[in-house]
C-alpha atoms as a PDB file:
ATOM      1  CA  MET A   1      -1.982   5.290 -26.077  1.00  0.00           C
ATOM      2  CA  ALA A   2       0.750   7.878 -27.531  1.00  0.00           C
ATOM      3  CA  THR A   3       2.991   9.678 -24.864  1.00  0.00           C
ATOM      4  CA  THR A   4       4.594  12.871 -25.687  1.00  0.00           C
ATOM      5  CA  SER A   5       7.309  12.893 -22.574  1.00  0.00           C
ATOM      6  CA  LYS A   6      10.631  11.701 -23.057  1.00  0.00           C
ATOM      7  CA  LEU A   7       9.648   8.138 -21.144  1.00  0.00           C
ATOM      8  CA  PRO A   8       7.307   5.504 -22.316  1.00  0.00           C
ATOM      9  CA  ALA A   9       3.979   5.251 -20.719  1.00  0.00           C
ATOM     10  CA  ALA A  10       5.140   1.864 -18.610  1.00  0.00           C
ATOM     11  CA  ALA A  11       8.069   3.562 -17.801  1.00  0.00           C
ATOM     12  CA  ALA A  12       6.763   6.673 -16.797  1.00  0.00           C
ATOM     13  CA  ALA A  13       3.843   5.120 -14.819  1.00  0.00           C
ATOM     14  CA  ARG A  14       6.375   2.895 -12.720  1.00  0.00           C
ATOM     15  CA  ARG A  15       8.925   5.968 -11.812  1.00  0.00           C
ATOM     16  CA  ALA A  16       5.671   7.536 -10.553  1.00  0.00           C
ATOM     17  CA  ALA A  17       4.868   4.889  -8.268  1.00  0.00           C
ATOM     18  CA  LEU A  18       8.764   4.535  -7.042  1.00  0.00           C
ATOM     19  CA  LEU A  19       8.550   8.269  -6.373  1.00  0.00           C
ATOM     20  CA  ALA A  20       5.728   7.657  -4.489  1.00  0.00           C
ATOM     21  CA  LEU A  21       7.375   5.249  -2.763  1.00  0.00           C
ATOM     22  CA  ASP A  22      10.472   7.371  -1.842  1.00  0.00           C
ATOM     23  CA  LEU A  23       8.246   9.617  -0.107  1.00  0.00           C
ATOM     24  CA  LYS A  24       6.904   6.915   1.909  1.00  0.00           C
ATOM     25  CA  ALA A  25       3.188   6.321   0.445  1.00  0.00           C
ATOM     26  CA  ASN A  26       1.731   3.290   1.496  1.00  0.00           C
ATOM     27  CA  ASP A  27       0.096   0.615  -0.349  1.00  0.00           C
ATOM     28  CA  VAL A  28       1.650   1.122  -3.396  1.00  0.00           C
ATOM     29  CA  MET A  29       0.169  -0.233  -6.673  1.00  0.00           C
ATOM     30  CA  LEU A  30       0.627   0.149 -10.678  1.00  0.00           C
ATOM     31  CA  LEU A  31      -1.924  -1.525 -12.653  1.00  0.00           C
ATOM     32  CA  ASP A  32      -2.135  -1.980 -16.435  1.00  0.00           C
ATOM     33  CA  LEU A  33      -5.086  -0.993 -17.789  1.00  0.00           C
ATOM     34  CA  LYS A  34      -4.496  -1.713 -21.419  1.00  0.00           C
ATOM     35  CA  GLY A  35      -7.236  -3.883 -23.239  1.00  0.00           C
ATOM     36  CA  VAL A  36      -9.270  -3.192 -19.926  1.00  0.00           C
ATOM     37  CA  THR A  37      -9.652   0.317 -20.955  1.00  0.00           C
ATOM     38  CA  ASP A  38      -8.863   3.236 -24.029  1.00  0.00           C
ATOM     39  CA  MET A  39      -9.520   5.948 -21.312  1.00  0.00           C
ATOM     40  CA  THR A  40      -5.926   5.562 -19.955  1.00  0.00           C
ATOM     41  CA  ASP A  41      -2.681   2.655 -20.232  1.00  0.00           C
ATOM     42  CA  PHE A  42      -1.865   2.723 -16.588  1.00  0.00           C
ATOM     43  CA  PHE A  43      -3.465   3.537 -13.018  1.00  0.00           C
ATOM     44  CA  VAL A  44      -0.792   4.217  -9.857  1.00  0.00           C
ATOM     45  CA  VAL A  45      -2.847   3.860  -6.513  1.00  0.00           C
ATOM     46  CA  ALA A  46      -1.254   5.000  -3.216  1.00  0.00           C
ATOM     47  CA  SER A  47      -2.261   5.793  -0.126  1.00  0.00           C
ATOM     48  CA  GLY A  48      -0.814   9.013   2.008  1.00  0.00           C
ATOM     49  CA  THR A  49      -1.201   9.304   6.102  1.00  0.00           C
ATOM     50  CA  SER A  50      -3.035  12.515   6.163  1.00  0.00           C
ATOM     51  CA  ASP A  51      -4.328  15.138   3.521  1.00  0.00           C
ATOM     52  CA  THR A  52      -0.853  16.609   3.801  1.00  0.00           C
ATOM     53  CA  HIS A  53       1.216  13.502   3.453  1.00  0.00           C
ATOM     54  CA  VAL A  54      -1.333  13.152   0.242  1.00  0.00           C
ATOM     55  CA  ARG A  55      -0.171  17.018  -0.944  1.00  0.00           C
ATOM     56  CA  ALA A  56       2.994  15.904  -0.876  1.00  0.00           C
ATOM     57  CA  VAL A  57       3.108  13.053  -2.295  1.00  0.00           C
ATOM     58  CA  ALA A  58       1.312  14.288  -5.494  1.00  0.00           C
ATOM     59  CA  GLU A  59       3.230  17.447  -5.705  1.00  0.00           C
ATOM     60  CA  HIS A  60       6.527  15.252  -5.399  1.00  0.00           C
ATOM     61  CA  VAL A  61       5.564  12.806  -8.241  1.00  0.00           C
ATOM     62  CA  ILE A  62       4.765  16.381 -10.416  1.00  0.00           C
ATOM     63  CA  ALA A  63       7.558  17.859  -9.564  1.00  0.00           C
ATOM     64  CA  GLU A  64      10.229  14.807  -9.932  1.00  0.00           C
ATOM     65  CA  LEU A  65       8.930  13.721 -13.422  1.00  0.00           C
ATOM     66  CA  LYS A  66       8.229  17.417 -14.330  1.00  0.00           C
ATOM     67  CA  LYS A  67      12.263  17.559 -14.307  1.00  0.00           C
ATOM     68  CA  GLU A  68      12.004  14.242 -16.417  1.00  0.00           C
ATOM     69  CA  GLY A  69       9.843  15.865 -19.479  1.00  0.00           C
ATOM     70  CA  VAL A  70       6.720  13.975 -18.008  1.00  0.00           C
ATOM     71  CA  SER A  71       4.201  17.025 -17.726  1.00  0.00           C
ATOM     72  CA  VAL A  72       1.069  16.704 -15.883  1.00  0.00           C
ATOM     73  CA  HIS A  73      -2.408  16.927 -18.202  1.00  0.00           C
ATOM     74  CA  HIS A  74      -4.563  17.897 -15.807  1.00  0.00           C
ATOM     75  CA  VAL A  75      -4.495  17.775 -11.338  1.00  0.00           C
ATOM     76  CA  GLU A  76      -8.041  17.404  -9.167  1.00  0.00           C
ATOM     77  CA  GLY A  77      -8.186  17.759  -5.502  1.00  0.00           C
ATOM     78  CA  LEU A  78      -4.558  18.493  -4.664  1.00  0.00           C
ATOM     79  CA  THR A  79      -5.362  21.437  -2.320  1.00  0.00           C
ATOM     80  CA  GLN A  80      -8.051  19.677  -0.080  1.00  0.00           C
ATOM     81  CA  GLY A  81      -5.577  16.502  -0.007  1.00  0.00           C
ATOM     82  CA  ARG A  82      -8.317  13.666   0.191  1.00  0.00           C
ATOM     83  CA  TRP A  83      -7.735  12.277  -3.219  1.00  0.00           C
ATOM     84  CA  ALA A  84      -5.194  13.676  -5.638  1.00  0.00           C
ATOM     85  CA  LEU A  85      -5.486  12.592  -9.404  1.00  0.00           C
ATOM     86  CA  LEU A  86      -2.753  13.480 -11.350  1.00  0.00           C
ATOM     87  CA  ASP A  87      -3.564  12.999 -15.190  1.00  0.00           C
ATOM     88  CA  PHE A  88      -0.975  12.104 -17.443  1.00  0.00           C
ATOM     89  CA  VAL A  89      -3.013  11.256 -20.044  1.00  0.00           C
ATOM     90  CA  ASP A  90      -1.309   7.863 -20.815  1.00  0.00           C
ATOM     91  CA  PHE A  91      -0.991   7.097 -16.699  1.00  0.00           C
ATOM     92  CA  VAL A  92      -3.079   8.659 -14.160  1.00  0.00           C
ATOM     93  CA  VAL A  93      -1.872   8.263 -10.196  1.00  0.00           C
ATOM     94  CA  HIS A  94      -4.089   8.318  -7.581  1.00  0.00           C
ATOM     95  CA  VAL A  95      -2.920   9.508  -3.874  1.00  0.00           C
ATOM     96  CA  PHE A  96      -5.765   9.190  -1.621  1.00  0.00           C
ATOM     97  CA  HIS A  97      -6.620   9.665   2.119  1.00  0.00           C
ATOM     98  CA  PRO A  98      -7.281   5.922   3.609  1.00  0.00           C
ATOM     99  CA  THR A  99     -10.667   6.672   4.430  1.00  0.00           C
ATOM    100  CA  LEU A 100     -11.408   7.377   0.371  1.00  0.00           C
ATOM    101  CA  ARG A 101      -9.171   4.680  -0.878  1.00  0.00           C
ATOM    102  CA  THR A 102     -11.376   2.093   1.261  1.00  0.00           C
ATOM    103  CA  PHE A 103     -14.694   3.534   0.205  1.00  0.00           C
ATOM    104  CA  TYR A 104     -13.920   4.229  -3.386  1.00  0.00           C
ATOM    105  CA  GLN A 105     -11.425   0.879  -3.831  1.00  0.00           C
ATOM    106  CA  LEU A 106     -10.575   1.529  -7.144  1.00  0.00           C
ATOM    107  CA  GLU A 107      -8.137  -1.970  -6.861  1.00  0.00           C
ATOM    108  CA  ARG A 108     -11.726  -3.762  -6.908  1.00  0.00           C
ATOM    109  CA  LEU A 109     -13.385  -1.537  -9.670  1.00  0.00           C
ATOM    110  CA  TRP A 110     -10.705  -2.233 -11.873  1.00  0.00           C
ATOM    111  CA  SER A 111     -10.088  -5.772 -10.418  1.00  0.00           C
ATOM    112  CA  ASP A 112      -9.442  -6.820 -14.519  1.00  0.00           C
ATOM    113  CA  ALA A 113      -6.431  -5.162 -14.639  1.00  0.00           C
ATOM    114  CA  ARG A 114      -3.214  -7.001 -14.274  1.00  0.00           C
ATOM    115  CA  GLU A 115      -0.907  -5.587 -11.249  1.00  0.00           C
ATOM    116  CA  VAL A 116       2.428  -4.606 -12.320  1.00  0.00           C
ATOM    117  CA  PRO A 117       5.150  -5.559  -9.551  1.00  0.00           C
ATOM    118  CA  LEU A 118       7.020  -2.970  -7.991  1.00  0.00           C
ATOM    119  CA  ASP A 119      10.630  -3.765  -6.554  1.00  0.00           C
ATOM    120  CA  GLN A 120      10.076  -1.465  -3.837  1.00  0.00           C
ATOM    121  CA  THR A 121      13.996  -1.633  -2.706  1.00  0.00           C
ATOM    122  CA  ALA A 122      15.092  -0.204  -5.678  1.00  0.00           C
ATOM    123  CA  GLY A 123      14.111   3.429  -4.879  1.00  0.00           C
ATOM    124  CA  ALA A 124      12.645   5.763  -7.702  1.00  0.00           C
ATOM    125  CA  GLY A 125      16.290   6.303  -8.743  1.00  0.00           C
ATOM    126  CA  ALA A 126      17.566   2.733  -9.687  1.00  0.00           C
ATOM    127  CA  PRO A 127      16.618   1.480 -13.323  1.00  0.00           C
ATOM    128  CA  ALA A 128      13.925  -0.683 -13.922  1.00  0.00           C
ATOM    129  CA  PRO A 129      14.577  -4.352 -13.921  1.00  0.00           C
ATOM    130  CA  GLN A 130      15.122  -5.473 -17.652  1.00  0.00           C
ATOM    131  CA  GLY A 131      11.407  -6.586 -19.150  1.00  0.00           C
ATOM    132  CA  ALA A 132       9.664  -4.095 -16.497  1.00  0.00           C
ATOM    133  CA  PRO A 133       7.373  -1.679 -17.383  1.00  0.00           C
END
């Protein structure tokens, strides 16, 4: 998929995952959907600990990526804080309340996708390792 941002899709999706980790999101996963679906290239899946935490993580990802020229195309569920969906076209960020993440099990639904390892010690400000998305 073509991206209009300053970052390639893989780098922007990885950045979104690390930004979620920076705000202490739980169980953050980056799924590579290329070859699995034409809908998008990557999913970032994360859990907040409460409605407020879900909103805070989602707002943080939106604000920080915007500073880098990556704008969100569509947002759903932000005000409720149960499941925030951030559509950046080339990648989609899902921030769930734990009960909804367990219920919907996106990881199981998209089990054909490859999980991209995240260096969780690097933090969002660190550059991606060589060869990493």
